Structures are given as C-alpha cells and as structure tokens.
Amino acid sequence: MPRVYIGRLSYQARERDVERFFKGYGKILEVDLKNGYGFVEFDNLCDADDAVYGLNGKDLCGEHVIVEHARGPRRDSSYGYGGKSQISL
C-alpha cells in the first residue's frame, strides 16, 4: 500500500491531528507517528498522490510540514506498537 512521509511534524501533533489533516484525501489505513515525523498509509496510490500535492507545505499544528511519497520499504510490519495505529473506517 502507498505510504506518505510527513516531515517537520510538530512534537505536539497527535494521531487525531494527522487524521484530520489528511481527511478528504481518501481512505487512511494506518498512521505511524515518530518524533518530528511520521507516515500515513493510504488505500490507493491516487489518494496518496492527491495528499502529497495538496498538503505539502501546509500548516499542521503550527508547522509547515513536508508531505512526500515515502521512499523504500517499511522497516517494521507489526501493528499496534511504537505509535502506530490501524484505522478502520
């Protein structure tokens, strides 16, 4: 599944903030937040493309975030660990 990298993420940003930020860009399968960055996994590539083009440089929790396609394979495929969550809509 296509993943989007989100950089320059505020340390105060929470999963619900990221979900709201990406709302309207398609079905989100997973949000994985780290310190200052994160990943959002979409159901399809077109939705991920739309999010990258529509949200890169926009304000999220007081920071102008970088939104781009994630590079490389996932490093960890386990769910429910380390700030990850599966979204079921």
PDB file of N, CA and C in Angstrom:
ATOM      1  N   MET A   1       0.832  -1.187   0.000  1.00  0.00           N
ATOM      2  CA  MET A   1       0.000   0.000   0.000  1.00  0.00           C
ATOM      3  C   MET A   1       0.879   1.255   0.000  1.00  0.00           C
ATOM      4  N   PRO A   2       0.448   2.299  -0.660  1.00  0.00           N
ATOM      5  CA  PRO A   2       1.251   3.529  -0.736  1.00  0.00           C
ATOM      6  C   PRO A   2       1.320   4.261   0.597  1.00  0.00           C
ATOM      7  N   ARG A   3       2.537   4.726   0.915  1.00  0.00           N
ATOM      8  CA  ARG A   3       2.752   5.464   2.157  1.00  0.00           C
ATOM      9  C   ARG A   3       3.257   6.855   1.839  1.00  0.00           C
ATOM     10  N   VAL A   4       2.865   7.787   2.691  1.00  0.00           N
ATOM     11  CA  VAL A   4       3.275   9.175   2.566  1.00  0.00           C
ATOM     12  C   VAL A   4       4.093   9.527   3.799  1.00  0.00           C
ATOM     13  N   TYR A   5       5.208  10.189   3.576  1.00  0.00           N
ATOM     14  CA  TYR A   5       6.067  10.684   4.656  1.00  0.00           C
ATOM     15  C   TYR A   5       5.596  12.084   5.022  1.00  0.00           C
ATOM     16  N   ILE A   6       5.552  12.375   6.310  1.00  0.00           N
ATOM     17  CA  ILE A   6       5.231  13.715   6.773  1.00  0.00           C
ATOM     18  C   ILE A   6       6.363  14.180   7.680  1.00  0.00           C
ATOM     19  N   GLY A   7       7.080  15.201   7.238  1.00  0.00           N
ATOM     20  CA  GLY A   7       8.242  15.716   7.959  1.00  0.00           C
ATOM     21  C   GLY A   7       7.989  17.094   8.539  1.00  0.00           C
ATOM     22  N   ARG A   8       8.920  17.529   9.403  1.00  0.00           N
ATOM     23  CA  ARG A   8       8.780  18.787  10.148  1.00  0.00           C
ATOM     24  C   ARG A   8       7.502  18.789  10.970  1.00  0.00           C
ATOM     25  N   LEU A   9       7.148  17.636  11.463  1.00  0.00           N
ATOM     26  CA  LEU A   9       5.929  17.463  12.241  1.00  0.00           C
ATOM     27  C   LEU A   9       6.148  17.985  13.653  1.00  0.00           C
ATOM     28  N   SER A  10       5.223  18.782  14.128  1.00  0.00           N
ATOM     29  CA  SER A  10       5.304  19.319  15.485  1.00  0.00           C
ATOM     30  C   SER A  10       5.320  18.173  16.495  1.00  0.00           C
ATOM     31  N   TYR A  11       6.101  18.330  17.542  1.00  0.00           N
ATOM     32  CA  TYR A  11       6.137  17.316  18.597  1.00  0.00           C
ATOM     33  C   TYR A  11       4.816  17.258  19.352  1.00  0.00           C
ATOM     34  N   GLN A  12       3.989  18.286  19.214  1.00  0.00           N
ATOM     35  CA  GLN A  12       2.677  18.302  19.851  1.00  0.00           C
ATOM     36  C   GLN A  12       1.603  17.630  18.994  1.00  0.00           C
ATOM     37  N   ALA A  13       1.903  17.334  17.745  1.00  0.00           N
ATOM     38  CA  ALA A  13       0.919  16.716  16.847  1.00  0.00           C
ATOM     39  C   ALA A  13       0.579  15.312  17.327  1.00  0.00           C
ATOM     40  N   ARG A  14      -0.691  15.019  17.305  1.00  0.00           N
ATOM     41  CA  ARG A  14      -1.190  13.712  17.712  1.00  0.00           C
ATOM     42  C   ARG A  14      -1.831  13.022  16.510  1.00  0.00           C
ATOM     43  N   GLU A  15      -2.114  11.759  16.689  1.00  0.00           N
ATOM     44  CA  GLU A  15      -2.705  10.959  15.621  1.00  0.00           C
ATOM     45  C   GLU A  15      -3.983  11.599  15.082  1.00  0.00           C
ATOM     46  N   ARG A  16      -4.846  12.069  15.961  1.00  0.00           N
ATOM     47  CA  ARG A  16      -6.110  12.666  15.512  1.00  0.00           C
ATOM     48  C   ARG A  16      -5.867  13.932  14.685  1.00  0.00           C
ATOM     49  N   ASP A  17      -4.808  14.688  15.017  1.00  0.00           N
ATOM     50  CA  ASP A  17      -4.465  15.879  14.232  1.00  0.00           C
ATOM     51  C   ASP A  17      -4.080  15.486  12.808  1.00  0.00           C
ATOM     52  N   VAL A  18      -3.280  14.447  12.697  1.00  0.00           N
ATOM     53  CA  VAL A  18      -2.834  13.970  11.386  1.00  0.00           C
ATOM     54  C   VAL A  18      -4.023  13.416  10.595  1.00  0.00           C
ATOM     55  N   GLU A  19      -4.895  12.676  11.258  1.00  0.00           N
ATOM     56  CA  GLU A  19      -6.081  12.137  10.587  1.00  0.00           C
ATOM     57  C   GLU A  19      -6.950  13.266  10.039  1.00  0.00           C
ATOM     58  N   ARG A  20      -7.157  14.317  10.824  1.00  0.00           N
ATOM     59  CA  ARG A  20      -7.946  15.466  10.361  1.00  0.00           C
ATOM     60  C   ARG A  20      -7.256  16.183   9.206  1.00  0.00           C
ATOM     61  N   PHE A  21      -5.938  16.308   9.292  1.00  0.00           N
ATOM     62  CA  PHE A  21      -5.155  16.978   8.257  1.00  0.00           C
ATOM     63  C   PHE A  21      -5.318  16.276   6.907  1.00  0.00           C
ATOM     64  N   PHE A  22      -5.322  14.950   6.913  1.00  0.00           N
ATOM     65  CA  PHE A  22      -5.420  14.165   5.686  1.00  0.00           C
ATOM     66  C   PHE A  22      -6.860  13.830   5.299  1.00  0.00           C
ATOM     67  N   LYS A  23      -7.828  14.251   6.112  1.00  0.00           N
ATOM     68  CA  LYS A  23      -9.240  13.965   5.834  1.00  0.00           C
ATOM     69  C   LYS A  23      -9.617  14.539   4.469  1.00  0.00           C
ATOM     70  N   GLY A  24     -10.350  13.777   3.714  1.00  0.00           N
ATOM     71  CA  GLY A  24     -10.763  14.212   2.392  1.00  0.00           C
ATOM     72  C   GLY A  24      -9.838  13.750   1.283  1.00  0.00           C
ATOM     73  N   TYR A  25      -8.742  13.099   1.646  1.00  0.00           N
ATOM     74  CA  TYR A  25      -7.793  12.619   0.637  1.00  0.00           C
ATOM     75  C   TYR A  25      -7.847  11.107   0.466  1.00  0.00           C
ATOM     76  N   GLY A  26      -8.921  10.490   0.913  1.00  0.00           N
ATOM     77  CA  GLY A  26      -9.077   9.054   0.709  1.00  0.00           C
ATOM     78  C   GLY A  26      -8.972   8.261   1.993  1.00  0.00           C
ATOM     79  N   LYS A  27      -9.102   6.960   1.837  1.00  0.00           N
ATOM     80  CA  LYS A  27      -9.098   6.049   2.983  1.00  0.00           C
ATOM     81  C   LYS A  27      -7.687   5.880   3.533  1.00  0.00           C
ATOM     82  N   ILE A  28      -7.542   6.173   4.823  1.00  0.00           N
ATOM     83  CA  ILE A  28      -6.268   6.003   5.523  1.00  0.00           C
ATOM     84  C   ILE A  28      -6.287   4.646   6.206  1.00  0.00           C
ATOM     85  N   LEU A  29      -5.256   3.865   5.970  1.00  0.00           N
ATOM     86  CA  LEU A  29      -5.158   2.546   6.587  1.00  0.00           C
ATOM     87  C   LEU A  29      -4.389   2.580   7.896  1.00  0.00           C
ATOM     88  N   GLU A  30      -3.391   3.471   7.979  1.00  0.00           N
ATOM     89  CA  GLU A  30      -2.531   3.487   9.167  1.00  0.00           C
ATOM     90  C   GLU A  30      -1.853   4.841   9.313  1.00  0.00           C
ATOM     91  N   VAL A  31      -1.690   5.258  10.559  1.00  0.00           N
ATOM     92  CA  VAL A  31      -0.897   6.441  10.897  1.00  0.00           C
ATOM     93  C   VAL A  31       0.205   5.974  11.829  1.00  0.00           C
ATOM     94  N   ASP A  32       1.452   6.311  11.513  1.00  0.00           N
ATOM     95  CA  ASP A  32       2.619   5.909  12.304  1.00  0.00           C
ATOM     96  C   ASP A  32       3.414   7.166  12.631  1.00  0.00           C
ATOM     97  N   LEU A  33       3.324   7.641  13.876  1.00  0.00           N
ATOM     98  CA  LEU A  33       3.995   8.876  14.275  1.00  0.00           C
ATOM     99  C   LEU A  33       5.277   8.583  15.033  1.00  0.00           C
ATOM    100  N   LYS A  34       6.315   9.321  14.683  1.00  0.00           N
ATOM    101  CA  LYS A  34       7.613   9.263  15.356  1.00  0.00           C
ATOM    102  C   LYS A  34       7.872  10.639  15.953  1.00  0.00           C
ATOM    103  N   ASN A  35       9.083  10.909  16.404  1.00  0.00           N
ATOM    104  CA  ASN A  35       9.433  12.226  16.935  1.00  0.00           C
ATOM    105  C   ASN A  35       9.787  13.173  15.795  1.00  0.00           C
ATOM    106  N   GLY A  36       8.871  14.062  15.465  1.00  0.00           N
ATOM    107  CA  GLY A  36       9.124  15.058  14.441  1.00  0.00           C
ATOM    108  C   GLY A  36       8.813  14.631  13.015  1.00  0.00           C
ATOM    109  N   TYR A  37       8.347  13.407  12.828  1.00  0.00           N
ATOM    110  CA  TYR A  37       7.955  12.933  11.500  1.00  0.00           C
ATOM    111  C   TYR A  37       6.992  11.765  11.644  1.00  0.00           C
ATOM    112  N   GLY A  38       6.467  11.312  10.537  1.00  0.00           N
ATOM    113  CA  GLY A  38       5.557  10.180  10.584  1.00  0.00           C
ATOM    114  C   GLY A  38       5.241   9.674   9.193  1.00  0.00           C
ATOM    115  N   PHE A  39       4.373   8.679   9.151  1.00  0.00           N
ATOM    116  CA  PHE A  39       3.947   8.077   7.895  1.00  0.00           C
ATOM    117  C   PHE A  39       2.443   7.877   7.933  1.00  0.00           C
ATOM    118  N   VAL A  40       1.823   8.043   6.776  1.00  0.00           N
ATOM    119  CA  VAL A  40       0.396   7.783   6.619  1.00  0.00           C
ATOM    120  C   VAL A  40       0.262   6.808   5.461  1.00  0.00           C
ATOM    121  N   GLU A  41      -0.415   5.705   5.704  1.00  0.00           N
ATOM    122  CA  GLU A  41      -0.606   4.700   4.662  1.00  0.00           C
ATOM    123  C   GLU A  41      -2.013   4.821   4.098  1.00  0.00           C
ATOM    124  N   PHE A  42      -2.096   4.922   2.780  1.00  0.00           N
ATOM    125  CA  PHE A  42      -3.367   5.066   2.088  1.00  0.00           C
ATOM    126  C   PHE A  42      -3.779   3.758   1.431  1.00  0.00           C
ATOM    127  N   ASP A  43      -5.056   3.681   1.112  1.00  0.00           N
ATOM    128  CA  ASP A  43      -5.608   2.511   0.448  1.00  0.00           C
ATOM    129  C   ASP A  43      -5.173   2.431  -1.012  1.00  0.00           C
ATOM    130  N   ASN A  44      -4.998   3.593  -1.664  1.00  0.00           N
ATOM    131  CA  ASN A  44      -4.577   3.541  -3.067  1.00  0.00           C
ATOM    132  C   ASN A  44      -3.644   4.694  -3.420  1.00  0.00           C
ATOM    133  N   LEU A  45      -2.920   4.509  -4.493  1.00  0.00           N
ATOM    134  CA  LEU A  45      -1.884   5.449  -4.919  1.00  0.00           C
ATOM    135  C   LEU A  45      -2.445   6.809  -5.322  1.00  0.00           C
ATOM    136  N   CYS A  46      -3.594   6.837  -5.957  1.00  0.00           N
ATOM    137  CA  CYS A  46      -4.178   8.121  -6.375  1.00  0.00           C
ATOM    138  C   CYS A  46      -4.457   9.014  -5.173  1.00  0.00           C
ATOM    139  N   ASP A  47      -4.967   8.428  -4.095  1.00  0.00           N
ATOM    140  CA  ASP A  47      -5.235   9.206  -2.882  1.00  0.00           C
ATOM    141  C   ASP A  47      -3.937   9.731  -2.277  1.00  0.00           C
ATOM    142  N   ALA A  48      -2.909   8.902  -2.260  1.00  0.00           N
ATOM    143  CA  ALA A  48      -1.605   9.331  -1.738  1.00  0.00           C
ATOM    144  C   ALA A  48      -1.040  10.467  -2.586  1.00  0.00           C
ATOM    145  N   ASP A  49      -1.150  10.356  -3.909  1.00  0.00           N
ATOM    146  CA  ASP A  49      -0.698  11.428  -4.807  1.00  0.00           C
ATOM    147  C   ASP A  49      -1.424  12.733  -4.518  1.00  0.00           C
ATOM    148  N   ASP A  50      -2.741  12.650  -4.384  1.00  0.00           N
ATOM    149  CA  ASP A  50      -3.538  13.849  -4.108  1.00  0.00           C
ATOM    150  C   ASP A  50      -3.111  14.503  -2.801  1.00  0.00           C
ATOM    151  N   ALA A  51      -2.853  13.699  -1.780  1.00  0.00           N
ATOM    152  CA  ALA A  51      -2.431  14.236  -0.481  1.00  0.00           C
ATOM    153  C   ALA A  51      -1.074  14.925  -0.589  1.00  0.00           C
ATOM    154  N   VAL A  52      -0.137  14.316  -1.295  1.00  0.00           N
ATOM    155  CA  VAL A  52       1.193  14.914  -1.466  1.00  0.00           C
ATOM    156  C   VAL A  52       1.076  16.271  -2.147  1.00  0.00           C
ATOM    157  N   TYR A  53       0.336  16.325  -3.243  1.00  0.00           N
ATOM    158  CA  TYR A  53       0.231  17.576  -3.998  1.00  0.00           C
ATOM    159  C   TYR A  53      -0.626  18.616  -3.287  1.00  0.00           C
ATOM    160  N   GLY A  54      -1.596  18.168  -2.507  1.00  0.00           N
ATOM    161  CA  GLY A  54      -2.486  19.112  -1.842  1.00  0.00           C
ATOM    162  C   GLY A  54      -2.010  19.617  -0.497  1.00  0.00           C
ATOM    163  N   LEU A  55      -1.149  18.858   0.182  1.00  0.00           N
ATOM    164  CA  LEU A  55      -0.807  19.195   1.564  1.00  0.00           C
ATOM    165  C   LEU A  55       0.647  19.585   1.805  1.00  0.00           C
ATOM    166  N   ASN A  56       1.534  19.344   0.871  1.00  0.00           N
ATOM    167  CA  ASN A  56       2.939  19.690   1.081  1.00  0.00           C
ATOM    168  C   ASN A  56       3.082  21.190   1.333  1.00  0.00           C
ATOM    169  N   GLY A  57       3.746  21.537   2.429  1.00  0.00           N
ATOM    170  CA  GLY A  57       3.970  22.934   2.778  1.00  0.00           C
ATOM    171  C   GLY A  57       2.846  23.576   3.570  1.00  0.00           C
ATOM    172  N   LYS A  58       1.773  22.838   3.822  1.00  0.00           N
ATOM    173  CA  LYS A  58       0.642  23.384   4.576  1.00  0.00           C
ATOM    174  C   LYS A  58       0.936  23.346   6.075  1.00  0.00           C
ATOM    175  N   ASP A  59       0.161  24.124   6.818  1.00  0.00           N
ATOM    176  CA  ASP A  59       0.336  24.239   8.264  1.00  0.00           C
ATOM    177  C   ASP A  59      -0.397  23.121   9.000  1.00  0.00           C
ATOM    178  N   LEU A  60       0.331  22.443   9.879  1.00  0.00           N
ATOM    179  CA  LEU A  60      -0.245  21.435  10.768  1.00  0.00           C
ATOM    180  C   LEU A  60       0.333  21.668  12.151  1.00  0.00           C
ATOM    181  N   CYS A  61      -0.513  22.041  13.085  1.00  0.00           N
ATOM    182  CA  CYS A  61      -0.101  22.299  14.475  1.00  0.00           C
ATOM    183  C   CYS A  61       1.022  23.330  14.550  1.00  0.00           C
ATOM    184  N   GLY A  62       0.930  24.368  13.721  1.00  0.00           N
ATOM    185  CA  GLY A  62       1.899  25.457  13.782  1.00  0.00           C
ATOM    186  C   GLY A  62       3.182  25.254  13.004  1.00  0.00           C
ATOM    187  N   GLU A  63       3.296  24.164  12.263  1.00  0.00           N
ATOM    188  CA  GLU A  63       4.489  23.892  11.459  1.00  0.00           C
ATOM    189  C   GLU A  63       4.099  23.704   9.999  1.00  0.00           C
ATOM    190  N   HIS A  64       4.922  24.218   9.100  1.00  0.00           N
ATOM    191  CA  HIS A  64       4.729  23.970   7.667  1.00  0.00           C
ATOM    192  C   HIS A  64       5.392  22.631   7.356  1.00  0.00           C
ATOM    193  N   VAL A  65       4.568  21.610   7.206  1.00  0.00           N
ATOM    194  CA  VAL A  65       5.077  20.246   7.084  1.00  0.00           C
ATOM    195  C   VAL A  65       5.490  19.906   5.657  1.00  0.00           C
ATOM    196  N   ILE A  66       6.372  18.926   5.560  1.00  0.00           N
ATOM    197  CA  ILE A  66       6.779  18.338   4.286  1.00  0.00           C
ATOM    198  C   ILE A  66       5.932  17.085   4.100  1.00  0.00           C
ATOM    199  N   VAL A  67       5.263  16.991   2.975  1.00  0.00           N
ATOM    200  CA  VAL A  67       4.473  15.803   2.660  1.00  0.00           C
ATOM    201  C   VAL A  67       4.976  15.280   1.322  1.00  0.00           C
ATOM    202  N   GLU A  68       5.508  14.061   1.335  1.00  0.00           N
ATOM    203  CA  GLU A  68       6.033  13.457   0.104  1.00  0.00           C
ATOM    204  C   GLU A  68       5.863  11.949   0.166  1.00  0.00           C
ATOM    205  N   HIS A  69       6.007  11.316  -0.983  1.00  0.00           N
ATOM    206  CA  HIS A  69       5.908   9.854  -1.015  1.00  0.00           C
ATOM    207  C   HIS A  69       7.055   9.258  -0.206  1.00  0.00           C
ATOM    208  N   ALA A  70       6.733   8.261   0.617  1.00  0.00           N
ATOM    209  CA  ALA A  70       7.761   7.581   1.405  1.00  0.00           C
ATOM    210  C   ALA A  70       8.664   6.790   0.469  1.00  0.00           C
ATOM    211  N   ARG A  71       9.938   6.769   0.801  1.00  0.00           N
ATOM    212  CA  ARG A  71      10.920   6.031  -0.007  1.00  0.00           C
ATOM    213  C   ARG A  71      11.278   4.727   0.693  1.00  0.00           C
ATOM    214  N   GLY A  72      11.499   3.713  -0.088  1.00  0.00           N
ATOM    215  CA  GLY A  72      11.951   2.438   0.467  1.00  0.00           C
ATOM    216  C   GLY A  72      10.832   1.647   1.113  1.00  0.00           C
ATOM    217  N   PRO A  73      11.138   0.409   1.456  1.00  0.00           N
ATOM    218  CA  PRO A  73      10.139  -0.468   2.080  1.00  0.00           C
ATOM    219  C   PRO A  73       9.934  -0.124   3.549  1.00  0.00           C
ATOM    220  N   ARG A  74       8.841  -0.627   4.081  1.00  0.00           N
ATOM    221  CA  ARG A  74       8.575  -0.476   5.518  1.00  0.00           C
ATOM    222  C   ARG A  74       9.661  -1.196   6.294  1.00  0.00           C
ATOM    223  N   ARG A  75      10.031  -0.634   7.408  1.00  0.00           N
ATOM    224  CA  ARG A  75      11.050  -1.284   8.246  1.00  0.00           C
ATOM    225  C   ARG A  75      10.438  -2.209   9.276  1.00  0.00           C
ATOM    226  N   ASP A  76       9.199  -1.953   9.653  1.00  0.00           N
ATOM    227  CA  ASP A  76       8.539  -2.744  10.688  1.00  0.00           C
ATOM    228  C   ASP A  76       7.105  -2.973  10.256  1.00  0.00           C
ATOM    229  N   SER A  77       6.706  -4.220  10.169  1.00  0.00           N
ATOM    230  CA  SER A  77       5.356  -4.508   9.699  1.00  0.00           C
ATOM    231  C   SER A  77       4.398  -4.871  10.824  1.00  0.00           C
ATOM    232  N   SER A  78       4.818  -4.767  12.081  1.00  0.00           N
ATOM    233  CA  SER A  78       3.922  -5.087  13.188  1.00  0.00           C
ATOM    234  C   SER A  78       3.019  -3.900  13.481  1.00  0.00           C
ATOM    235  N   TYR A  79       1.775  -4.166  13.806  1.00  0.00           N
ATOM    236  CA  TYR A  79       0.810  -3.115  14.098  1.00  0.00           C
ATOM    237  C   TYR A  79       0.630  -2.972  15.603  1.00  0.00           C
ATOM    238  N   GLY A  80       0.198  -1.784  16.006  1.00  0.00           N
ATOM    239  CA  GLY A  80      -0.116  -1.552  17.405  1.00  0.00           C
ATOM    240  C   GLY A  80       1.097  -1.382  18.290  1.00  0.00           C
ATOM    241  N   TYR A  81       2.262  -1.043  17.734  1.00  0.00           N
ATOM    242  CA  TYR A  81       3.474  -0.888  18.528  1.00  0.00           C
ATOM    243  C   TYR A  81       4.214   0.355  18.075  1.00  0.00           C
ATOM    244  N   GLY A  82       4.717   1.118  19.009  1.00  0.00           N
ATOM    245  CA  GLY A  82       5.559   2.263  18.677  1.00  0.00           C
ATOM    246  C   GLY A  82       4.848   3.420  18.019  1.00  0.00           C
ATOM    247  N   GLY A  83       3.606   3.691  18.443  1.00  0.00           N
ATOM    248  CA  GLY A  83       2.901   4.847  17.926  1.00  0.00           C
ATOM    249  C   GLY A  83       2.116   4.589  16.657  1.00  0.00           C
ATOM    250  N   LYS A  84       2.003   3.359  16.269  1.00  0.00           N
ATOM    251  CA  LYS A  84       1.255   3.029  15.067  1.00  0.00           C
ATOM    252  C   LYS A  84      -0.184   2.734  15.435  1.00  0.00           C
ATOM    253  N   SER A  85      -1.068   2.953  14.507  1.00  0.00           N
ATOM    254  CA  SER A  85      -2.442   2.531  14.704  1.00  0.00           C
ATOM    255  C   SER A  85      -3.058   2.213  13.364  1.00  0.00           C
ATOM    256  N   GLN A  86      -3.912   1.225  13.363  1.00  0.00           N
ATOM    257  CA  GLN A  86      -4.662   0.915  12.164  1.00  0.00           C
ATOM    258  C   GLN A  86      -5.959   1.688  12.248  1.00  0.00           C
ATOM    259  N   ILE A  87      -6.375   2.249  11.141  1.00  0.00           N
ATOM    260  CA  ILE A  87      -7.611   2.997  11.074  1.00  0.00           C
ATOM    261  C   ILE A  87      -8.626   2.113  10.377  1.00  0.00           C
ATOM    262  N   SER A  88      -9.761   1.898  11.003  1.00  0.00           N
ATOM    263  CA  SER A  88     -10.813   1.160  10.316  1.00  0.00           C
ATOM    264  C   SER A  88     -11.997   2.090  10.165  1.00  0.00           C
ATOM    265  N   LEU A  89     -12.337   2.342   8.923  1.00  0.00           N
ATOM    266  CA  LEU A  89     -13.443   3.265   8.626  1.00  0.00           C
ATOM    267  C   LEU A  89     -14.589   2.526   8.014  1.00  0.00           C
TER     268      LEU A  89
END
